[in-house]
Protein backbone atom coordinates (compact mmCIF):
# COMPACT_ATOMS: atom_id res chain seq x y z
CA UNK A 1 0.00 0.01 -0.09
CA UNK A 2 2.72 2.33 0.90
CA UNK A 3 4.40 1.77 -2.45
CA UNK A 4 1.08 2.52 -4.43
CA UNK A 5 0.86 5.57 -2.37
CA UNK A 6 4.20 6.93 -3.49
CA UNK A 7 3.57 5.91 -7.03
CA UNK A 8 0.38 7.94 -6.93
CA UNK A 9 1.94 10.83 -5.38
CA UNK A 10 4.60 10.87 -8.17
CA UNK A 11 2.15 10.77 -10.96
CA UNK A 12 -0.05 13.57 -9.38
CA UNK A 13 3.27 15.71 -8.91
CA UNK A 14 3.91 15.27 -12.86
CA UNK A 15 0.37 15.96 -13.70
CA UNK A 16 0.50 19.11 -11.77
CA UNK A 17 3.64 20.14 -13.54
CA UNK A 18 2.35 19.43 -16.92
CA UNK A 19 -0.88 21.33 -16.05
CA UNK A 20 0.78 24.40 -14.63
CA UNK A 21 3.04 24.68 -17.60
CA UNK A 22 0.03 24.64 -19.90
CA UNK A 23 -2.20 26.90 -17.83
CA UNK A 24 0.23 29.47 -16.66
CA UNK A 25 1.44 31.08 -19.93
CA UNK A 26 3.15 34.37 -19.18
CA UNK A 27 2.58 37.78 -20.56
CA UNK A 28 4.94 37.61 -23.44
CA UNK A 29 3.26 34.15 -24.59
CA UNK A 30 -0.27 35.88 -24.26
CA UNK A 31 1.01 38.54 -26.69
CA UNK A 32 2.10 35.96 -29.15
CA UNK A 33 -1.29 33.87 -28.88
CA UNK A 34 -2.98 37.40 -29.43
CA UNK A 35 -1.14 37.62 -32.74
CA UNK A 36 -2.00 34.27 -33.74
CA UNK A 37 -5.61 34.93 -33.08
CA UNK A 38 -5.45 38.38 -34.82
CA UNK A 39 -3.93 36.49 -37.94
CA UNK A 40 -6.71 34.00 -37.88
CA UNK A 41 -9.22 36.84 -37.44
CA UNK A 42 -10.75 34.86 -34.60
CA UNK A 43 -12.87 37.58 -33.02
CA UNK A 44 -14.02 35.22 -30.16
CA UNK A 45 -10.43 34.33 -29.10
CA UNK A 46 -9.42 37.92 -29.54
CA UNK A 47 -12.17 39.17 -27.26
CA UNK A 48 -11.55 36.32 -24.75
CA UNK A 49 -7.71 37.24 -24.62
CA UNK A 50 -8.34 40.69 -24.08
CA UNK A 51 -9.70 42.85 -21.26
CA UNK A 52 -12.82 45.10 -21.18
CA UNK A 53 -12.57 47.85 -21.86
CA UNK A 54 -9.89 48.04 -24.28
CA UNK A 55 -7.68 51.29 -24.88
CA UNK A 56 -5.49 51.81 -27.84
CA UNK A 57 -3.50 55.10 -27.95
CA UNK A 58 -1.58 55.55 -31.24
CA UNK A 59 0.44 58.90 -31.25
CA UNK A 60 -2.17 61.52 -30.36
CA UNK A 61 -5.25 59.39 -31.06
CA UNK A 62 -6.96 57.38 -28.50
CA UNK A 63 -9.49 54.71 -29.25
CA UNK A 64 -11.58 53.15 -26.26
CA UNK A 65 -13.98 50.42 -26.98
CA UNK A 66 -15.89 47.84 -24.82
CA UNK A 67 -14.07 45.04 -26.65
CA UNK A 68 -10.94 44.98 -28.67
CA UNK A 69 -13.11 43.52 -31.62
CA UNK A 70 -14.98 46.75 -31.71
CA UNK A 71 -11.65 48.64 -32.47
CA UNK A 72 -10.63 46.38 -35.40
CA UNK A 73 -11.95 46.23 -38.88
CA UNK A 74 -10.31 43.13 -40.84
CA UNK A 75 -11.94 44.06 -43.97
CA UNK A 76 -10.25 47.48 -43.83
CA UNK A 77 -7.00 46.04 -43.29
CA UNK A 78 -7.34 43.72 -45.92
CA UNK A 79 -8.32 46.60 -48.27
CA UNK A 80 -4.98 48.37 -47.11
CA UNK A 81 -3.08 45.31 -48.37
CA UNK A 82 -2.91 43.38 -44.86
CA UNK A 83 -2.74 39.53 -45.09
CA UNK A 84 -0.88 38.84 -41.64
CA UNK A 85 1.31 40.25 -39.04
CA UNK A 86 4.50 38.94 -37.49
CA UNK A 87 6.29 39.88 -34.09
CA UNK A 88 9.93 40.73 -34.97
CA UNK A 89 10.91 41.29 -31.31
CA UNK A 90 9.15 41.40 -27.94
CA UNK A 91 10.40 42.14 -24.39
CA UNK A 92 8.63 42.40 -21.03
CA UNK A 93 9.10 45.69 -19.79
CA UNK A 94 7.33 45.27 -16.45
CA UNK A 95 5.78 42.27 -14.78
CA UNK A 96 4.24 41.64 -11.34
CA UNK A 97 1.37 39.34 -10.22
CA UNK A 98 -1.47 41.28 -11.76
CA UNK A 99 -0.08 43.54 -14.56
CA UNK A 100 2.45 43.43 -17.21
CA UNK A 101 3.88 45.61 -20.06
CA UNK A 102 5.21 44.04 -23.12
CA UNK A 103 7.05 45.94 -25.93
CA UNK A 104 6.59 44.44 -29.43
CA UNK A 105 8.13 45.33 -32.77
CA UNK A 106 5.95 43.93 -35.49
CA UNK A 107 5.55 43.92 -39.31
CA UNK A 108 2.38 43.67 -41.40
CA UNK A 109 2.61 41.86 -44.48
CA UNK A 110 0.83 41.58 -47.78
CA UNK A 111 -0.28 38.41 -49.59
CA UNK A 112 3.12 38.54 -51.47
CA UNK A 113 5.06 38.45 -48.06
CA UNK A 114 6.08 42.14 -48.63
CA UNK A 115 6.39 44.31 -45.62
CA UNK A 116 3.78 47.10 -45.66
CA UNK A 117 4.25 48.34 -42.13
CA UNK A 118 6.66 47.99 -39.12
CA UNK A 119 5.74 49.39 -35.98
CA UNK A 120 6.40 49.33 -32.11
CA UNK A 121 3.61 48.93 -29.72
CA UNK A 122 3.55 48.48 -26.09
CA UNK A 123 0.94 46.37 -24.54
CA UNK A 124 -0.41 46.56 -21.04
CA UNK A 125 -1.79 43.15 -19.76
CA UNK A 126 -3.68 42.31 -16.72
CA UNK A 127 -3.87 38.98 -14.95
CA UNK A 128 -7.63 37.75 -14.55
CA UNK A 129 -8.09 34.47 -12.76
CA UNK A 130 -4.58 33.32 -13.87
CA UNK A 131 -4.88 34.43 -17.33
CA UNK A 132 -3.06 37.13 -18.96
CA UNK A 133 -5.20 39.45 -20.98
CA UNK A 134 -4.62 42.53 -23.16
CA UNK A 135 -5.89 45.55 -21.62
CA UNK A 136 -4.33 48.37 -23.75
CA UNK A 137 -1.83 48.98 -26.53
CA UNK A 138 0.31 52.33 -26.79
CA UNK A 139 2.11 53.00 -30.07
CA UNK A 140 4.23 56.19 -30.82
CA UNK A 141 2.93 56.41 -34.50
CA UNK A 142 -0.50 56.24 -36.13
CA UNK A 143 -1.14 52.52 -36.87
CA UNK A 144 -4.48 51.78 -38.68
CA UNK A 145 -6.81 49.39 -37.14
CA UNK A 146 -8.75 49.14 -40.54
CA UNK A 147 -11.32 51.73 -39.45
CA UNK A 148 -10.07 54.76 -41.57
């Protein structure tokens, strides 16, 4: 019986390690997932992985929406030539248990894989129930969200 107990304890420990590794993605990973959801135009996942309300400050312009999906227009982005976006670099600027800031340099590409925009954005993330969610984005230049 003691031997069975030790085996069960080891199995439980290993399962916990595996689950914790999958459930507790950090803020930088959350931003990467957000870009994947964005490229897939997955509105449901974008809203699930962002917090409400969402604020985006681009230069001197501010956009405040109840949901991130209210701020983005994929058809408008495609009209401007967008096909997908790719993170070039990312760096965590600040991180505690509740908030984080991640600086990202990214590029937007057209259907021919040509860069149509390269920009910097700093994302503010909040930790809600163990999940990192985008709360806002700050960019020094005016980056279209497809609503122009």
